[in-house]
């Protein structure tokens, strides 16, 4: 017998197989919670760094939550897929400067990263709008260059220093 808190349980419809439900319950919950905790509001720009696996989930959730979704990855081979999943725009870091591209559209209210390379994630932080956050779903290698401290946790966020305006970013 197993004992669990009711808040940690969900009911799965019978027509949904375990194989279909598993990604929603693991990756889905992790990425959805990252979006909810980001502080982004309806209509804000949310950047997703790392398209594939967790990134696929973030793009779909973010679009359906009413965010303006910017997918960021390396190469044009994933651009069509990112747009098909719901991204409004795709930034190919092989051909564009992602922080400049984000800043050019007012900055991201949130950056959610699913990649584990701290240098790459750190380089994107200047693309945040003032008072916004960058958070990771998954593991990241430390130290994280944009942060003054080291942390061994997979759940973290970096918040830009200035308070966030309620002005809608387009």
N, C-alpha and C. Protein backbone atom coordinates (compact mmCIF):
# COMPACT_ATOMS: atom_id res chain seq x y z
N UNK A 1 0.84 -1.18 0.00
CA UNK A 1 0.00 0.00 0.00
C UNK A 1 0.88 1.24 0.00
N UNK A 2 0.47 2.24 -0.74
CA UNK A 2 1.19 3.51 -0.80
C UNK A 2 0.31 4.62 -0.26
N UNK A 3 0.90 5.52 0.51
CA UNK A 3 0.18 6.67 1.02
C UNK A 3 0.72 7.92 0.33
N UNK A 4 -0.20 8.77 -0.15
CA UNK A 4 0.21 10.01 -0.83
C UNK A 4 -0.77 11.12 -0.49
N UNK A 5 -0.29 12.35 -0.48
CA UNK A 5 -1.18 13.49 -0.25
C UNK A 5 -2.08 13.68 -1.48
N UNK A 6 -3.29 14.07 -1.26
CA UNK A 6 -4.25 14.27 -2.35
C UNK A 6 -3.76 15.33 -3.32
N UNK A 7 -3.00 16.31 -2.85
CA UNK A 7 -2.51 17.38 -3.73
C UNK A 7 -1.46 16.87 -4.72
N UNK A 8 -0.92 15.69 -4.46
CA UNK A 8 0.08 15.12 -5.34
C UNK A 8 -0.47 14.09 -6.30
N UNK A 9 -1.78 13.96 -6.35
CA UNK A 9 -2.42 12.95 -7.19
C UNK A 9 -3.29 13.60 -8.26
N UNK A 10 -3.42 12.93 -9.37
CA UNK A 10 -4.33 13.39 -10.43
C UNK A 10 -5.11 12.19 -10.96
N UNK A 11 -6.26 12.47 -11.46
CA UNK A 11 -7.09 11.43 -12.07
C UNK A 11 -6.81 11.43 -13.56
N UNK A 12 -6.52 10.27 -14.11
CA UNK A 12 -6.24 10.15 -15.54
C UNK A 12 -7.46 9.54 -16.21
N UNK A 13 -8.01 10.22 -17.22
CA UNK A 13 -9.17 9.64 -17.92
C UNK A 13 -8.84 8.26 -18.48
N UNK A 14 -9.81 7.36 -18.45
CA UNK A 14 -9.59 5.99 -18.91
C UNK A 14 -9.18 5.92 -20.38
N UNK A 15 -9.66 6.88 -21.21
CA UNK A 15 -9.32 6.85 -22.63
C UNK A 15 -7.89 7.31 -22.92
N UNK A 16 -7.19 7.79 -21.90
CA UNK A 16 -5.80 8.22 -22.04
C UNK A 16 -4.89 7.12 -21.51
N UNK A 17 -4.03 6.58 -22.38
CA UNK A 17 -3.14 5.50 -21.94
C UNK A 17 -2.02 6.05 -21.04
N UNK A 18 -1.40 5.18 -20.31
CA UNK A 18 -0.27 5.59 -19.45
C UNK A 18 0.86 6.19 -20.28
N UNK A 19 1.11 5.63 -21.45
CA UNK A 19 2.17 6.14 -22.33
C UNK A 19 1.84 7.56 -22.80
N UNK A 20 0.56 7.86 -23.03
CA UNK A 20 0.17 9.21 -23.45
C UNK A 20 0.18 10.18 -22.27
N UNK A 21 -0.15 9.71 -21.09
CA UNK A 21 -0.23 10.57 -19.91
C UNK A 21 1.13 10.89 -19.31
N UNK A 22 2.09 9.98 -19.43
CA UNK A 22 3.39 10.14 -18.78
C UNK A 22 4.08 11.47 -19.09
N UNK A 23 4.19 11.90 -20.35
CA UNK A 23 4.87 13.18 -20.61
C UNK A 23 4.15 14.37 -19.98
N UNK A 24 2.84 14.31 -19.93
CA UNK A 24 2.08 15.41 -19.34
C UNK A 24 2.33 15.48 -17.84
N UNK A 25 2.44 14.32 -17.20
CA UNK A 25 2.59 14.29 -15.75
C UNK A 25 4.01 14.63 -15.30
N UNK A 26 4.99 14.37 -16.10
CA UNK A 26 6.38 14.65 -15.71
C UNK A 26 6.83 15.97 -16.31
N UNK A 27 7.17 15.94 -17.58
CA UNK A 27 7.64 17.15 -18.26
C UNK A 27 6.57 18.23 -18.28
N UNK A 28 5.34 17.82 -18.45
CA UNK A 28 4.25 18.79 -18.53
C UNK A 28 4.08 19.60 -17.26
N UNK A 29 4.11 18.92 -16.13
CA UNK A 29 3.95 19.62 -14.85
C UNK A 29 5.15 20.52 -14.59
N UNK A 30 6.35 20.03 -14.85
CA UNK A 30 7.55 20.83 -14.61
C UNK A 30 7.55 22.10 -15.46
N UNK A 31 7.20 21.98 -16.73
CA UNK A 31 7.24 23.15 -17.61
C UNK A 31 6.06 24.08 -17.34
N UNK A 32 4.89 23.53 -17.09
CA UNK A 32 3.72 24.36 -16.77
C UNK A 32 3.97 25.17 -15.51
N UNK A 33 4.52 24.52 -14.48
CA UNK A 33 4.81 25.23 -13.23
C UNK A 33 5.86 26.33 -13.44
N UNK A 34 6.84 26.08 -14.32
CA UNK A 34 7.82 27.11 -14.64
C UNK A 34 7.17 28.33 -15.26
N UNK A 35 6.23 28.11 -16.15
CA UNK A 35 5.51 29.23 -16.77
C UNK A 35 4.66 29.97 -15.74
N UNK A 36 3.95 29.23 -14.91
CA UNK A 36 3.10 29.86 -13.89
C UNK A 36 3.92 30.69 -12.91
N UNK A 37 5.09 30.21 -12.55
CA UNK A 37 5.93 30.90 -11.57
C UNK A 37 6.75 32.03 -12.18
N UNK A 38 6.75 32.15 -13.50
CA UNK A 38 7.62 33.13 -14.17
C UNK A 38 7.22 34.58 -13.94
N UNK A 39 5.98 34.82 -13.61
CA UNK A 39 5.51 36.19 -13.43
C UNK A 39 5.02 36.81 -14.73
N UNK A 40 5.14 36.10 -15.84
CA UNK A 40 4.64 36.61 -17.12
C UNK A 40 3.12 36.69 -17.08
N UNK A 41 2.60 37.70 -17.77
CA UNK A 41 1.16 37.91 -17.81
C UNK A 41 0.64 37.76 -19.22
N UNK A 42 -0.64 37.60 -19.35
CA UNK A 42 -1.30 37.45 -20.65
C UNK A 42 -0.78 38.48 -21.65
N UNK A 43 -0.34 38.02 -22.81
CA UNK A 43 0.18 38.91 -23.85
C UNK A 43 1.66 39.21 -23.77
N UNK A 44 2.31 38.86 -22.65
CA UNK A 44 3.75 39.08 -22.50
C UNK A 44 4.53 38.16 -23.43
N UNK A 45 5.76 38.57 -23.72
CA UNK A 45 6.66 37.73 -24.51
C UNK A 45 7.37 36.74 -23.59
N UNK A 46 7.29 35.47 -23.95
CA UNK A 46 7.98 34.41 -23.23
C UNK A 46 8.92 33.74 -24.23
N UNK A 47 10.20 33.70 -23.89
CA UNK A 47 11.20 33.06 -24.75
C UNK A 47 11.46 31.65 -24.24
N UNK A 48 11.54 30.71 -25.16
CA UNK A 48 11.81 29.32 -24.82
C UNK A 48 13.14 28.93 -25.46
N UNK A 49 14.13 28.66 -24.65
CA UNK A 49 15.46 28.28 -25.13
C UNK A 49 15.59 26.77 -25.04
N UNK A 50 15.73 26.13 -26.19
CA UNK A 50 15.87 24.68 -26.23
C UNK A 50 14.59 24.03 -26.72
N UNK A 51 14.49 23.84 -28.00
CA UNK A 51 13.28 23.27 -28.59
C UNK A 51 13.50 21.77 -28.80
N UNK A 52 12.63 21.00 -28.21
CA UNK A 52 12.74 19.54 -28.23
C UNK A 52 12.43 19.05 -26.84
N UNK A 53 11.74 17.95 -26.71
CA UNK A 53 11.41 17.40 -25.40
C UNK A 53 10.67 18.40 -24.54
N UNK A 54 11.31 18.87 -23.46
CA UNK A 54 10.69 19.84 -22.57
C UNK A 54 10.32 21.13 -23.30
N UNK A 55 11.17 21.57 -24.20
CA UNK A 55 10.91 22.80 -24.95
C UNK A 55 9.64 22.71 -25.77
N UNK A 56 9.36 21.53 -26.33
CA UNK A 56 8.12 21.34 -27.07
C UNK A 56 6.92 21.59 -26.16
N UNK A 57 7.01 21.11 -24.93
CA UNK A 57 5.91 21.30 -23.97
C UNK A 57 5.76 22.77 -23.61
N UNK A 58 6.86 23.45 -23.35
CA UNK A 58 6.81 24.86 -22.96
C UNK A 58 6.16 25.69 -24.06
N UNK A 59 6.57 25.48 -25.31
CA UNK A 59 6.01 26.25 -26.43
C UNK A 59 4.49 26.07 -26.49
N UNK A 60 4.03 24.83 -26.39
CA UNK A 60 2.59 24.57 -26.49
C UNK A 60 1.82 25.17 -25.32
N UNK A 61 2.31 24.99 -24.11
CA UNK A 61 1.64 25.57 -22.94
C UNK A 61 1.63 27.09 -23.03
N UNK A 62 2.78 27.68 -23.34
CA UNK A 62 2.89 29.15 -23.37
C UNK A 62 1.91 29.75 -24.38
N UNK A 63 1.81 29.15 -25.55
CA UNK A 63 0.90 29.65 -26.57
C UNK A 63 -0.55 29.60 -26.07
N UNK A 64 -0.91 28.48 -25.47
CA UNK A 64 -2.29 28.31 -25.01
C UNK A 64 -2.60 29.12 -23.75
N UNK A 65 -1.56 29.58 -23.07
CA UNK A 65 -1.76 30.44 -21.90
C UNK A 65 -1.84 31.92 -22.29
N UNK A 66 -1.71 32.19 -23.59
CA UNK A 66 -1.88 33.56 -24.07
C UNK A 66 -0.63 34.40 -24.13
N UNK A 67 0.54 33.76 -24.08
CA UNK A 67 1.80 34.49 -24.19
C UNK A 67 2.21 34.62 -25.65
N UNK A 68 3.02 35.62 -25.93
CA UNK A 68 3.67 35.74 -27.23
C UNK A 68 4.93 34.88 -27.12
N UNK A 69 5.01 33.83 -27.89
CA UNK A 69 6.06 32.82 -27.71
C UNK A 69 7.18 33.00 -28.73
N UNK A 70 8.40 33.12 -28.23
CA UNK A 70 9.58 33.19 -29.08
C UNK A 70 10.42 31.95 -28.77
N UNK A 71 10.54 31.06 -29.74
CA UNK A 71 11.36 29.86 -29.59
C UNK A 71 12.78 30.18 -30.02
N UNK A 72 13.76 29.68 -29.28
CA UNK A 72 15.16 29.95 -29.58
C UNK A 72 15.91 28.63 -29.66
N UNK A 73 16.62 28.44 -30.76
CA UNK A 73 17.39 27.23 -30.95
C UNK A 73 18.51 27.43 -31.94
N UNK A 74 19.23 26.36 -32.23
CA UNK A 74 20.33 26.41 -33.19
C UNK A 74 19.93 25.69 -34.46
N UNK A 75 19.87 26.40 -35.55
CA UNK A 75 19.60 25.79 -36.84
C UNK A 75 18.18 25.94 -37.31
N UNK A 76 18.03 25.96 -38.63
CA UNK A 76 16.71 26.10 -39.25
C UNK A 76 15.93 24.80 -39.28
N UNK A 77 16.58 23.68 -39.00
CA UNK A 77 15.89 22.39 -39.07
C UNK A 77 14.75 22.26 -38.07
N UNK A 78 14.77 23.04 -36.98
CA UNK A 78 13.70 22.96 -36.00
C UNK A 78 12.74 24.15 -36.06
N UNK A 79 13.00 25.09 -36.94
CA UNK A 79 12.16 26.30 -37.03
C UNK A 79 10.71 25.96 -37.35
N UNK A 80 10.48 25.15 -38.36
CA UNK A 80 9.11 24.81 -38.75
C UNK A 80 8.37 24.10 -37.62
N UNK A 81 9.06 23.20 -36.94
CA UNK A 81 8.44 22.47 -35.84
C UNK A 81 8.06 23.43 -34.71
N UNK A 82 8.95 24.35 -34.36
CA UNK A 82 8.66 25.32 -33.30
C UNK A 82 7.45 26.17 -33.66
N UNK A 83 7.37 26.61 -34.90
CA UNK A 83 6.23 27.41 -35.34
C UNK A 83 4.95 26.57 -35.37
N UNK A 84 5.05 25.34 -35.79
CA UNK A 84 3.89 24.44 -35.82
C UNK A 84 3.35 24.20 -34.41
N UNK A 85 4.24 24.11 -33.44
CA UNK A 85 3.82 23.88 -32.06
C UNK A 85 3.19 25.11 -31.41
N UNK A 86 3.39 26.29 -32.03
CA UNK A 86 2.74 27.48 -31.49
C UNK A 86 3.62 28.70 -31.30
N UNK A 87 4.90 28.60 -31.58
CA UNK A 87 5.76 29.78 -31.45
C UNK A 87 5.32 30.84 -32.46
N UNK A 88 5.34 32.08 -32.02
CA UNK A 88 5.04 33.19 -32.93
C UNK A 88 6.26 33.55 -33.77
N UNK A 89 7.44 33.28 -33.18
CA UNK A 89 8.70 33.63 -33.86
C UNK A 89 9.75 32.62 -33.45
N UNK A 90 10.67 32.36 -34.37
CA UNK A 90 11.79 31.47 -34.08
C UNK A 90 13.08 32.25 -34.30
N UNK A 91 13.99 32.18 -33.33
CA UNK A 91 15.30 32.80 -33.45
C UNK A 91 16.33 31.70 -33.57
N UNK A 92 17.05 31.71 -34.68
CA UNK A 92 18.14 30.77 -34.92
C UNK A 92 19.42 31.42 -34.43
N UNK A 93 19.98 30.89 -33.35
CA UNK A 93 21.18 31.51 -32.77
C UNK A 93 22.41 31.36 -33.65
N UNK A 94 22.33 30.54 -34.71
CA UNK A 94 23.43 30.46 -35.67
C UNK A 94 23.48 31.68 -36.58
N UNK A 95 22.34 32.36 -36.73
CA UNK A 95 22.27 33.49 -37.67
C UNK A 95 21.83 34.80 -37.03
N UNK A 96 21.31 34.75 -35.80
CA UNK A 96 20.82 35.95 -35.12
C UNK A 96 21.39 36.05 -33.72
N UNK A 97 21.51 37.28 -33.24
CA UNK A 97 21.90 37.52 -31.86
C UNK A 97 20.60 37.50 -31.04
N UNK A 98 20.38 36.44 -30.30
CA UNK A 98 19.11 36.26 -29.58
C UNK A 98 18.81 37.37 -28.57
N UNK A 99 19.77 37.79 -27.72
CA UNK A 99 19.45 38.87 -26.77
C UNK A 99 19.05 40.16 -27.49
N UNK A 100 19.74 40.49 -28.59
CA UNK A 100 19.39 41.69 -29.35
C UNK A 100 18.00 41.55 -29.98
N UNK A 101 17.69 40.38 -30.50
CA UNK A 101 16.38 40.15 -31.10
C UNK A 101 15.28 40.29 -30.05
N UNK A 102 15.49 39.76 -28.85
CA UNK A 102 14.50 39.90 -27.78
C UNK A 102 14.37 41.35 -27.34
N UNK A 103 15.49 42.02 -27.17
CA UNK A 103 15.47 43.43 -26.78
C UNK A 103 14.74 44.26 -27.83
N UNK A 104 14.92 43.92 -29.09
CA UNK A 104 14.27 44.63 -30.19
C UNK A 104 12.75 44.55 -30.16
N UNK A 105 12.21 43.55 -29.49
CA UNK A 105 10.75 43.45 -29.37
C UNK A 105 10.29 43.78 -27.95
N UNK A 106 11.14 44.47 -27.19
CA UNK A 106 10.76 44.92 -25.86
C UNK A 106 11.27 44.05 -24.73
N UNK A 107 12.01 43.02 -25.05
CA UNK A 107 12.53 42.11 -24.02
C UNK A 107 11.52 41.05 -23.65
N UNK A 108 12.01 39.97 -23.11
CA UNK A 108 11.14 38.87 -22.70
C UNK A 108 10.71 39.07 -21.25
N UNK A 109 9.43 38.84 -21.00
CA UNK A 109 8.92 38.88 -19.63
C UNK A 109 9.43 37.67 -18.87
N UNK A 110 9.74 36.61 -19.60
CA UNK A 110 10.30 35.40 -18.99
C UNK A 110 11.08 34.64 -20.05
N UNK A 111 12.17 34.05 -19.62
CA UNK A 111 12.92 33.11 -20.45
C UNK A 111 12.88 31.79 -19.71
N UNK A 112 12.37 30.77 -20.38
CA UNK A 112 12.40 29.42 -19.82
C UNK A 112 13.36 28.61 -20.64
N UNK A 113 14.34 28.03 -19.98
CA UNK A 113 15.35 27.26 -20.68
C UNK A 113 15.24 25.79 -20.32
N UNK A 114 15.46 24.96 -21.32
CA UNK A 114 15.44 23.52 -21.10
C UNK A 114 16.80 22.91 -21.41
N UNK A 115 17.79 23.77 -21.66
CA UNK A 115 19.13 23.28 -21.98
C UNK A 115 20.01 23.35 -20.74
N UNK A 116 21.08 22.60 -20.74
CA UNK A 116 21.93 22.50 -19.56
C UNK A 116 23.23 23.26 -19.62
N UNK A 117 23.43 24.09 -20.63
CA UNK A 117 24.69 24.80 -20.76
C UNK A 117 24.57 26.21 -20.16
N UNK A 118 25.21 26.43 -19.02
CA UNK A 118 25.09 27.71 -18.30
C UNK A 118 25.60 28.90 -19.11
N UNK A 119 26.66 28.72 -19.90
CA UNK A 119 27.19 29.83 -20.71
C UNK A 119 26.14 30.31 -21.72
N UNK A 120 25.48 29.37 -22.38
CA UNK A 120 24.47 29.71 -23.37
C UNK A 120 23.28 30.42 -22.72
N UNK A 121 22.84 29.89 -21.60
CA UNK A 121 21.71 30.50 -20.89
C UNK A 121 22.09 31.89 -20.41
N UNK A 122 23.26 32.02 -19.83
CA UNK A 122 23.73 33.30 -19.32
C UNK A 122 23.79 34.36 -20.41
N UNK A 123 24.21 33.96 -21.60
CA UNK A 123 24.31 34.91 -22.72
C UNK A 123 22.95 35.46 -23.12
N UNK A 124 21.88 34.76 -22.80
CA UNK A 124 20.54 35.19 -23.18
C UNK A 124 19.90 36.13 -22.17
N UNK A 125 20.40 36.16 -20.94
CA UNK A 125 19.82 36.97 -19.87
C UNK A 125 19.66 38.45 -20.26
N UNK A 126 20.58 39.08 -21.02
CA UNK A 126 20.36 40.48 -21.42
C UNK A 126 19.10 40.70 -22.27
N UNK A 127 18.50 39.64 -22.76
CA UNK A 127 17.26 39.75 -23.53
C UNK A 127 16.02 39.87 -22.67
N UNK A 128 16.19 39.83 -21.35
CA UNK A 128 15.06 39.98 -20.43
C UNK A 128 14.61 41.43 -20.36
N UNK A 129 13.32 41.64 -20.23
CA UNK A 129 12.80 42.96 -19.92
C UNK A 129 13.12 43.24 -18.45
N UNK A 130 13.13 44.50 -18.05
CA UNK A 130 13.41 44.86 -16.66
C UNK A 130 12.41 44.19 -15.73
N UNK A 131 12.92 43.62 -14.64
CA UNK A 131 12.09 42.99 -13.62
C UNK A 131 11.55 41.63 -14.00
N UNK A 132 12.08 41.04 -15.06
CA UNK A 132 11.59 39.75 -15.53
C UNK A 132 12.49 38.62 -15.04
N UNK A 133 12.18 37.38 -15.42
CA UNK A 133 12.94 36.26 -14.87
C UNK A 133 13.37 35.26 -15.93
N UNK A 134 14.43 34.53 -15.60
CA UNK A 134 14.93 33.43 -16.42
C UNK A 134 14.93 32.21 -15.51
N UNK A 135 14.27 31.15 -15.94
CA UNK A 135 14.24 29.95 -15.11
C UNK A 135 14.49 28.71 -15.95
N UNK A 136 14.91 27.66 -15.27
CA UNK A 136 15.29 26.42 -15.97
C UNK A 136 14.37 25.28 -15.58
N UNK A 137 14.06 24.47 -16.56
CA UNK A 137 13.40 23.19 -16.31
C UNK A 137 14.43 22.13 -16.68
N UNK A 138 14.88 21.37 -15.72
CA UNK A 138 15.89 20.37 -15.98
C UNK A 138 17.18 20.71 -15.27
N UNK A 139 18.24 20.07 -15.70
CA UNK A 139 19.55 20.24 -15.07
C UNK A 139 20.37 21.29 -15.80
N UNK A 140 21.18 22.01 -15.05
CA UNK A 140 22.07 23.00 -15.65
C UNK A 140 23.44 22.87 -15.00
N UNK A 141 24.47 23.03 -15.80
CA UNK A 141 25.83 22.95 -15.28
C UNK A 141 26.19 24.25 -14.56
N UNK A 142 26.84 24.13 -13.43
CA UNK A 142 27.23 25.30 -12.64
C UNK A 142 28.73 25.49 -12.71
N UNK A 143 29.28 26.68 -12.48
CA UNK A 143 28.56 27.86 -12.00
C UNK A 143 27.80 28.55 -13.13
N UNK A 144 26.80 29.30 -12.74
CA UNK A 144 26.02 30.08 -13.69
C UNK A 144 26.61 31.48 -13.74
N UNK A 145 27.20 31.90 -14.87
CA UNK A 145 27.96 33.15 -14.94
C UNK A 145 27.21 34.42 -14.59
N UNK A 146 25.89 34.49 -14.81
CA UNK A 146 25.14 35.71 -14.53
C UNK A 146 24.77 35.86 -13.07
N UNK A 147 25.07 34.87 -12.27
CA UNK A 147 24.66 34.87 -10.88
C UNK A 147 25.91 34.90 -10.01
N UNK A 148 25.87 35.62 -8.90
CA UNK A 148 27.05 35.74 -8.05
C UNK A 148 27.28 34.53 -7.15
N UNK A 149 26.32 33.65 -7.06
CA UNK A 149 26.45 32.48 -6.20
C UNK A 149 26.27 31.21 -7.00
N UNK A 150 26.74 30.12 -6.41
CA UNK A 150 26.57 28.82 -7.05
C UNK A 150 25.42 28.12 -6.38
N UNK A 151 24.75 27.31 -7.13
CA UNK A 151 23.63 26.57 -6.58
C UNK A 151 23.59 25.20 -7.24
N UNK A 152 23.32 24.19 -6.50
CA UNK A 152 23.32 22.83 -7.04
C UNK A 152 21.92 22.36 -7.41
N UNK A 153 20.93 23.20 -7.23
CA UNK A 153 19.55 22.80 -7.50
C UNK A 153 19.20 22.94 -8.97
N UNK A 154 18.29 22.11 -9.44
CA UNK A 154 17.81 22.21 -10.82
C UNK A 154 16.70 23.25 -10.93
N UNK A 155 16.12 23.66 -9.84
CA UNK A 155 15.04 24.66 -9.87
C UNK A 155 15.63 26.00 -9.43
N UNK A 156 15.70 26.95 -10.32
CA UNK A 156 16.29 28.24 -10.00
C UNK A 156 15.68 29.30 -10.90
N UNK A 157 15.88 30.53 -10.53
CA UNK A 157 15.52 31.61 -11.45
C UNK A 157 16.42 32.80 -11.18
N UNK A 158 16.63 33.59 -12.23
CA UNK A 158 17.40 34.81 -12.15
C UNK A 158 16.44 35.93 -12.49
N UNK A 159 16.36 36.94 -11.65
CA UNK A 159 15.46 38.05 -11.92
C UNK A 159 16.28 39.29 -12.23
N UNK A 160 15.88 40.00 -13.31
CA UNK A 160 16.60 41.23 -13.65
C UNK A 160 16.31 42.28 -12.58
N UNK A 161 17.23 43.24 -12.37
CA UNK A 161 17.16 44.10 -11.20
C UNK A 161 16.05 45.14 -11.18
N UNK A 162 15.68 45.74 -12.28
CA UNK A 162 14.71 46.83 -12.25
C UNK A 162 13.29 46.29 -12.12
N UNK A 163 12.41 47.05 -11.46
CA UNK A 163 11.03 46.57 -11.36
C UNK A 163 10.36 46.50 -12.73
N UNK A 164 9.48 45.57 -12.86
CA UNK A 164 8.81 45.34 -14.12
C UNK A 164 7.62 46.28 -14.29
N UNK A 165 7.55 46.90 -15.43
CA UNK A 165 6.44 47.78 -15.76
C UNK A 165 5.23 46.93 -16.12
N UNK A 166 4.06 47.46 -15.91
CA UNK A 166 2.83 46.75 -16.29
C UNK A 166 2.50 46.99 -17.76
N UNK A 167 3.37 47.74 -18.47
CA UNK A 167 3.15 47.98 -19.88
C UNK A 167 3.27 46.67 -20.64
N UNK A 168 2.35 46.44 -21.51
CA UNK A 168 2.33 45.19 -22.28
C UNK A 168 3.44 45.20 -23.32
N UNK A 169 4.21 44.09 -23.37
CA UNK A 169 5.27 43.95 -24.35
C UNK A 169 4.72 43.29 -25.60
N UNK A 170 5.13 43.77 -26.77
CA UNK A 170 4.64 43.19 -28.02
C UNK A 170 5.74 42.50 -28.75
